[in-house]
């Protein structure tokens, strides 16, 4: 879910020697699959000769299971419970945490993949009336914008309207992702 953003930070910081391996984004539907897949990816990367690895995941709903796998391999990850936190920056996320308790977050990725990640899997393309069942406890949609792309903002605004939620845009850029990559590279 953050591959494009990692590549953008890689280019921005001129980290030409950084390689990226991705796990399927849809693992976020079943986060219990992330730790085993990460374990396998780390084992394969080490077998290929990679010594320094940073997991481009926050906890992402694994309930600490991912951290146990990473600890076993001596691998660090991006800090935070999820990308919504590290995009905003952990300090900012913690400061507004209670105020955002009923917030549905979207990122550039989720705007690009709104149909594939929400509309079709949840059946909202066929049964829009289900939106209240899925999103009825949310009060607002916050678009955490990594880039300034009017087309993505339009998707977020349209999603908020369709879901009956108030809309807010926060220009976050890459938040804590850029410093996490820079620290990981500096440690090598």
C-alpha atoms as a PDB file:
ATOM      1  CA  UNK A   1       0.000   0.000   0.000  1.00  0.00           C
ATOM      2  CA  UNK A   2       2.982   2.329   0.281  1.00  0.00           C
ATOM      3  CA  UNK A   3       5.165   1.176  -2.627  1.00  0.00           C
ATOM      4  CA  UNK A   4       4.633   4.320  -4.712  1.00  0.00           C
ATOM      5  CA  UNK A   5       5.391   6.475  -1.693  1.00  0.00           C
ATOM      6  CA  UNK A   6       8.545   4.511  -0.817  1.00  0.00           C
ATOM      7  CA  UNK A   7       9.735   4.920  -4.404  1.00  0.00           C
ATOM      8  CA  UNK A   8       9.013   8.658  -4.248  1.00  0.00           C
ATOM      9  CA  UNK A   9      11.002   9.030  -1.011  1.00  0.00           C
ATOM     10  CA  UNK A  10      13.761   6.875  -2.491  1.00  0.00           C
ATOM     11  CA  UNK A  11      14.024   9.269  -5.446  1.00  0.00           C
ATOM     12  CA  UNK A  12      13.694  12.354  -3.232  1.00  0.00           C
ATOM     13  CA  UNK A  13      16.521  11.222  -0.911  1.00  0.00           C
ATOM     14  CA  UNK A  14      18.572   9.721  -3.763  1.00  0.00           C
ATOM     15  CA  UNK A  15      18.606   6.272  -2.183  1.00  0.00           C
ATOM     16  CA  UNK A  16      19.508   4.526  -5.420  1.00  0.00           C
ATOM     17  CA  UNK A  17      20.863   1.467  -3.613  1.00  0.00           C
ATOM     18  CA  UNK A  18      17.555   0.811  -1.848  1.00  0.00           C
ATOM     19  CA  UNK A  19      15.568  -2.150  -3.173  1.00  0.00           C
ATOM     20  CA  UNK A  20      11.860  -2.641  -2.594  1.00  0.00           C
ATOM     21  CA  UNK A  21       9.978  -5.906  -2.230  1.00  0.00           C
ATOM     22  CA  UNK A  22       6.205  -5.734  -1.840  1.00  0.00           C
ATOM     23  CA  UNK A  23       3.662  -7.964  -0.191  1.00  0.00           C
ATOM     24  CA  UNK A  24       0.113  -7.932  -1.572  1.00  0.00           C
ATOM     25  CA  UNK A  25      -1.815  -4.844  -0.470  1.00  0.00           C
ATOM     26  CA  UNK A  26      -4.936  -6.899   0.114  1.00  0.00           C
ATOM     27  CA  UNK A  27      -3.248  -8.518   3.126  1.00  0.00           C
ATOM     28  CA  UNK A  28      -4.691  -5.521   4.973  1.00  0.00           C
ATOM     29  CA  UNK A  29      -8.080  -7.271   4.744  1.00  0.00           C
ATOM     30  CA  UNK A  30      -6.612 -10.197   6.680  1.00  0.00           C
ATOM     31  CA  UNK A  31      -3.723  -8.781   8.714  1.00  0.00           C
ATOM     32  CA  UNK A  32      -3.052 -12.136  10.333  1.00  0.00           C
ATOM     33  CA  UNK A  33      -1.450 -13.092   6.979  1.00  0.00           C
ATOM     34  CA  UNK A  34       1.116 -10.274   7.144  1.00  0.00           C
ATOM     35  CA  UNK A  35       3.512 -11.771   9.746  1.00  0.00           C
ATOM     36  CA  UNK A  36       3.979 -15.130   7.975  1.00  0.00           C
ATOM     37  CA  UNK A  37       4.415 -13.427   4.608  1.00  0.00           C
ATOM     38  CA  UNK A  38       6.913 -10.976   6.106  1.00  0.00           C
ATOM     39  CA  UNK A  39       8.789 -13.840   7.757  1.00  0.00           C
ATOM     40  CA  UNK A  40       9.086 -15.593   4.391  1.00  0.00           C
ATOM     41  CA  UNK A  41      10.131 -12.381   2.603  1.00  0.00           C
ATOM     42  CA  UNK A  42      12.851 -11.677   5.181  1.00  0.00           C
ATOM     43  CA  UNK A  43      14.207 -15.226   4.965  1.00  0.00           C
ATOM     44  CA  UNK A  44      14.315 -14.950   1.163  1.00  0.00           C
ATOM     45  CA  UNK A  45      15.960 -11.523   1.254  1.00  0.00           C
ATOM     46  CA  UNK A  46      18.638 -12.733   3.665  1.00  0.00           C
ATOM     47  CA  UNK A  47      19.237 -15.792   1.450  1.00  0.00           C
ATOM     48  CA  UNK A  48      19.778 -13.380  -1.456  1.00  0.00           C
ATOM     49  CA  UNK A  49      22.428 -11.561   0.572  1.00  0.00           C
ATOM     50  CA  UNK A  50      20.506  -8.601   1.979  1.00  0.00           C
ATOM     51  CA  UNK A  51      21.849  -7.684   5.399  1.00  0.00           C
ATOM     52  CA  UNK A  52      19.906  -4.502   6.200  1.00  0.00           C
ATOM     53  CA  UNK A  53      16.129  -4.709   5.967  1.00  0.00           C
ATOM     54  CA  UNK A  54      13.440  -2.247   6.987  1.00  0.00           C
ATOM     55  CA  UNK A  55       9.842  -3.440   7.032  1.00  0.00           C
ATOM     56  CA  UNK A  56       7.679  -0.823   5.351  1.00  0.00           C
ATOM     57  CA  UNK A  57       4.765  -1.675   7.583  1.00  0.00           C
ATOM     58  CA  UNK A  58       3.362  -0.220  10.725  1.00  0.00           C
ATOM     59  CA  UNK A  59       1.553  -2.792  12.890  1.00  0.00           C
ATOM     60  CA  UNK A  60      -1.320  -2.729  10.351  1.00  0.00           C
ATOM     61  CA  UNK A  61      -3.744  -4.667  12.530  1.00  0.00           C
ATOM     62  CA  UNK A  62      -1.465  -7.595  13.345  1.00  0.00           C
ATOM     63  CA  UNK A  63      -1.861  -7.086  17.084  1.00  0.00           C
ATOM     64  CA  UNK A  64       1.893  -7.214  17.656  1.00  0.00           C
ATOM     65  CA  UNK A  65       2.398 -10.438  15.674  1.00  0.00           C
ATOM     66  CA  UNK A  66       4.423  -8.582  13.043  1.00  0.00           C
ATOM     67  CA  UNK A  67       6.722  -7.172  15.718  1.00  0.00           C
ATOM     68  CA  UNK A  68       7.464 -10.669  17.012  1.00  0.00           C
ATOM     69  CA  UNK A  69       8.508 -11.805  13.519  1.00  0.00           C
ATOM     70  CA  UNK A  70      10.650  -8.721  12.976  1.00  0.00           C
ATOM     71  CA  UNK A  71      12.285  -9.091  16.393  1.00  0.00           C
ATOM     72  CA  UNK A  72      13.187 -12.702  15.557  1.00  0.00           C
ATOM     73  CA  UNK A  73      15.065 -11.460  12.478  1.00  0.00           C
ATOM     74  CA  UNK A  74      16.474  -8.248  13.958  1.00  0.00           C
ATOM     75  CA  UNK A  75      14.469  -6.140  11.497  1.00  0.00           C
ATOM     76  CA  UNK A  76      12.922  -2.762  12.287  1.00  0.00           C
ATOM     77  CA  UNK A  77       9.692  -1.370  10.897  1.00  0.00           C
ATOM     78  CA  UNK A  78       8.168   2.041  10.415  1.00  0.00           C
ATOM     79  CA  UNK A  79       6.824   3.158  13.799  1.00  0.00           C
ATOM     80  CA  UNK A  80       3.123   3.369  14.423  1.00  0.00           C
ATOM     81  CA  UNK A  81      -0.079   1.381  14.505  1.00  0.00           C
ATOM     82  CA  UNK A  82      -0.815   1.984  10.788  1.00  0.00           C
ATOM     83  CA  UNK A  83       0.169   4.158   7.833  1.00  0.00           C
ATOM     84  CA  UNK A  84      -2.485   6.724   8.782  1.00  0.00           C
ATOM     85  CA  UNK A  85      -0.409   7.446  11.879  1.00  0.00           C
ATOM     86  CA  UNK A  86       3.008   7.594  10.246  1.00  0.00           C
ATOM     87  CA  UNK A  87       1.772   9.708   7.327  1.00  0.00           C
ATOM     88  CA  UNK A  88       0.522  12.302   9.787  1.00  0.00           C
ATOM     89  CA  UNK A  89       3.585  11.868  11.965  1.00  0.00           C
ATOM     90  CA  UNK A  90       3.251   9.969  15.220  1.00  0.00           C
ATOM     91  CA  UNK A  91       3.298  13.109  17.371  1.00  0.00           C
ATOM     92  CA  UNK A  92       0.479  14.700  15.368  1.00  0.00           C
ATOM     93  CA  UNK A  93      -1.483  11.441  15.268  1.00  0.00           C
ATOM     94  CA  UNK A  94      -1.246  11.007  19.030  1.00  0.00           C
ATOM     95  CA  UNK A  95      -2.243  14.631  19.614  1.00  0.00           C
ATOM     96  CA  UNK A  96      -5.461  14.280  17.608  1.00  0.00           C
ATOM     97  CA  UNK A  97      -6.179  10.616  18.323  1.00  0.00           C
ATOM     98  CA  UNK A  98      -9.309  11.103  20.419  1.00  0.00           C
ATOM     99  CA  UNK A  99     -10.725  13.703  18.031  1.00  0.00           C
ATOM    100  CA  UNK A 100     -10.299  11.283  15.125  1.00  0.00           C
ATOM    101  CA  UNK A 101     -11.858   8.271  16.849  1.00  0.00           C
ATOM    102  CA  UNK A 102     -14.789   8.279  14.378  1.00  0.00           C
ATOM    103  CA  UNK A 103     -12.697   9.119  11.314  1.00  0.00           C
ATOM    104  CA  UNK A 104     -12.402   7.083   8.151  1.00  0.00           C
ATOM    105  CA  UNK A 105      -8.976   7.773   6.667  1.00  0.00           C
ATOM    106  CA  UNK A 106      -8.004   7.700   3.026  1.00  0.00           C
ATOM    107  CA  UNK A 107      -4.527   8.024   1.538  1.00  0.00           C
ATOM    108  CA  UNK A 108      -3.344   8.594  -2.020  1.00  0.00           C
ATOM    109  CA  UNK A 109      -3.222   4.814  -2.471  1.00  0.00           C
ATOM    110  CA  UNK A 110      -6.757   4.321  -1.172  1.00  0.00           C
ATOM    111  CA  UNK A 111      -8.033   7.088  -3.440  1.00  0.00           C
ATOM    112  CA  UNK A 112      -6.346   5.450  -6.434  1.00  0.00           C
ATOM    113  CA  UNK A 113      -7.759   2.070  -5.439  1.00  0.00           C
ATOM    114  CA  UNK A 114     -11.132   3.112  -4.008  1.00  0.00           C
ATOM    115  CA  UNK A 115     -13.137   0.924  -6.351  1.00  0.00           C
ATOM    116  CA  UNK A 116     -10.842  -2.082  -5.943  1.00  0.00           C
ATOM    117  CA  UNK A 117     -10.486  -1.792  -2.156  1.00  0.00           C
ATOM    118  CA  UNK A 118     -13.926  -0.607  -1.085  1.00  0.00           C
ATOM    119  CA  UNK A 119     -16.610  -0.451  -3.736  1.00  0.00           C
ATOM    120  CA  UNK A 120     -16.262  -3.937  -5.232  1.00  0.00           C
ATOM    121  CA  UNK A 121     -15.139  -6.014  -2.209  1.00  0.00           C
ATOM    122  CA  UNK A 122     -17.823  -4.510   0.019  1.00  0.00           C
ATOM    123  CA  UNK A 123     -20.458  -4.766  -2.703  1.00  0.00           C
ATOM    124  CA  UNK A 124     -21.107  -1.018  -2.626  1.00  0.00           C
ATOM    125  CA  UNK A 125     -20.994  -0.890  -6.424  1.00  0.00           C
ATOM    126  CA  UNK A 126     -24.045  -3.179  -6.490  1.00  0.00           C
ATOM    127  CA  UNK A 127     -25.659  -2.239  -3.171  1.00  0.00           C
ATOM    128  CA  UNK A 128     -24.845   1.369  -2.236  1.00  0.00           C
ATOM    129  CA  UNK A 129     -27.392   1.132   0.586  1.00  0.00           C
ATOM    130  CA  UNK A 130     -24.818  -0.971   2.488  1.00  0.00           C
ATOM    131  CA  UNK A 131     -22.687   2.155   3.014  1.00  0.00           C
ATOM    132  CA  UNK A 132     -24.620   2.985   6.197  1.00  0.00           C
ATOM    133  CA  UNK A 133     -24.004  -0.532   7.535  1.00  0.00           C
ATOM    134  CA  UNK A 134     -20.272  -0.358   6.889  1.00  0.00           C
ATOM    135  CA  UNK A 135     -19.598   3.314   7.601  1.00  0.00           C
ATOM    136  CA  UNK A 136     -22.498   4.374   9.816  1.00  0.00           C
ATOM    137  CA  UNK A 137     -20.346   4.880  12.911  1.00  0.00           C
ATOM    138  CA  UNK A 138     -17.918   7.209  11.167  1.00  0.00           C
ATOM    139  CA  UNK A 139     -18.501  10.954  11.268  1.00  0.00           C
ATOM    140  CA  UNK A 140     -15.889  12.243   8.849  1.00  0.00           C
ATOM    141  CA  UNK A 141     -13.563  11.169   6.095  1.00  0.00           C
ATOM    142  CA  UNK A 142     -10.062  12.588   6.332  1.00  0.00           C
ATOM    143  CA  UNK A 143      -7.970  12.461   3.197  1.00  0.00           C
ATOM    144  CA  UNK A 144      -4.309  12.258   4.219  1.00  0.00           C
ATOM    145  CA  UNK A 145      -2.758  13.606   1.024  1.00  0.00           C
ATOM    146  CA  UNK A 146       0.779  12.545   0.272  1.00  0.00           C
ATOM    147  CA  UNK A 147       0.753  14.545  -2.968  1.00  0.00           C
ATOM    148  CA  UNK A 148      -1.194  17.449  -4.420  1.00  0.00           C
ATOM    149  CA  UNK A 149      -3.300  15.627  -6.982  1.00  0.00           C
ATOM    150  CA  UNK A 150      -6.719  17.180  -7.716  1.00  0.00           C
ATOM    151  CA  UNK A 151      -7.977  13.905  -9.201  1.00  0.00           C
ATOM    152  CA  UNK A 152      -7.246  12.033  -5.967  1.00  0.00           C
ATOM    153  CA  UNK A 153      -8.830  14.771  -3.891  1.00  0.00           C
ATOM    154  CA  UNK A 154     -11.914  14.529  -6.078  1.00  0.00           C
ATOM    155  CA  UNK A 155     -12.131  10.788  -5.338  1.00  0.00           C
ATOM    156  CA  UNK A 156     -11.886  11.468  -1.594  1.00  0.00           C
ATOM    157  CA  UNK A 157     -14.529  14.194  -1.732  1.00  0.00           C
ATOM    158  CA  UNK A 158     -16.852  11.964  -3.765  1.00  0.00           C
ATOM    159  CA  UNK A 159     -16.304   9.084  -1.321  1.00  0.00           C
ATOM    160  CA  UNK A 160     -17.151  11.305   1.649  1.00  0.00           C
ATOM    161  CA  UNK A 161     -20.337  12.436  -0.045  1.00  0.00           C
ATOM    162  CA  UNK A 162     -21.338   8.897  -1.008  1.00  0.00           C
ATOM    163  CA  UNK A 163     -20.680   7.675   2.543  1.00  0.00           C
ATOM    164  CA  UNK A 164     -22.508  10.629   4.089  1.00  0.00           C
ATOM    165  CA  UNK A 165     -19.431  11.829   5.969  1.00  0.00           C
ATOM    166  CA  UNK A 166     -17.992  15.268   6.591  1.00  0.00           C
ATOM    167  CA  UNK A 167     -14.836  15.835   4.546  1.00  0.00           C
ATOM    168  CA  UNK A 168     -11.410  17.085   5.568  1.00  0.00           C
ATOM    169  CA  UNK A 169      -8.115  17.125   3.702  1.00  0.00           C
ATOM    170  CA  UNK A 170      -4.784  17.066   5.537  1.00  0.00           C
ATOM    171  CA  UNK A 171      -1.665  17.579   3.451  1.00  0.00           C
ATOM    172  CA  UNK A 172       0.715  15.196   5.200  1.00  0.00           C
ATOM    173  CA  UNK A 173       3.289  14.458   2.554  1.00  0.00           C
ATOM    174  CA  UNK A 174       5.160  11.316   3.502  1.00  0.00           C
ATOM    175  CA  UNK A 175       5.152  12.073   7.226  1.00  0.00           C
ATOM    176  CA  UNK A 176       7.437   9.820   9.224  1.00  0.00           C
ATOM    177  CA  UNK A 177       8.124   7.548   6.239  1.00  0.00           C
ATOM    178  CA  UNK A 178      10.954   9.707   4.858  1.00  0.00           C
ATOM    179  CA  UNK A 179      12.856   9.971   8.165  1.00  0.00           C
ATOM    180  CA  UNK A 180      12.356   6.223   8.786  1.00  0.00           C
ATOM    181  CA  UNK A 181      13.925   5.388   5.421  1.00  0.00           C
ATOM    182  CA  UNK A 182      16.723   7.894   5.962  1.00  0.00           C
ATOM    183  CA  UNK A 183      17.486   6.407   9.425  1.00  0.00           C
ATOM    184  CA  UNK A 184      17.448   2.875   8.051  1.00  0.00           C
ATOM    185  CA  UNK A 185      19.898   3.799   5.297  1.00  0.00           C
ATOM    186  CA  UNK A 186      22.137   5.711   7.724  1.00  0.00           C
ATOM    187  CA  UNK A 187      22.313   2.621   9.943  1.00  0.00           C
ATOM    188  CA  UNK A 188      23.794   0.533   7.113  1.00  0.00           C
END
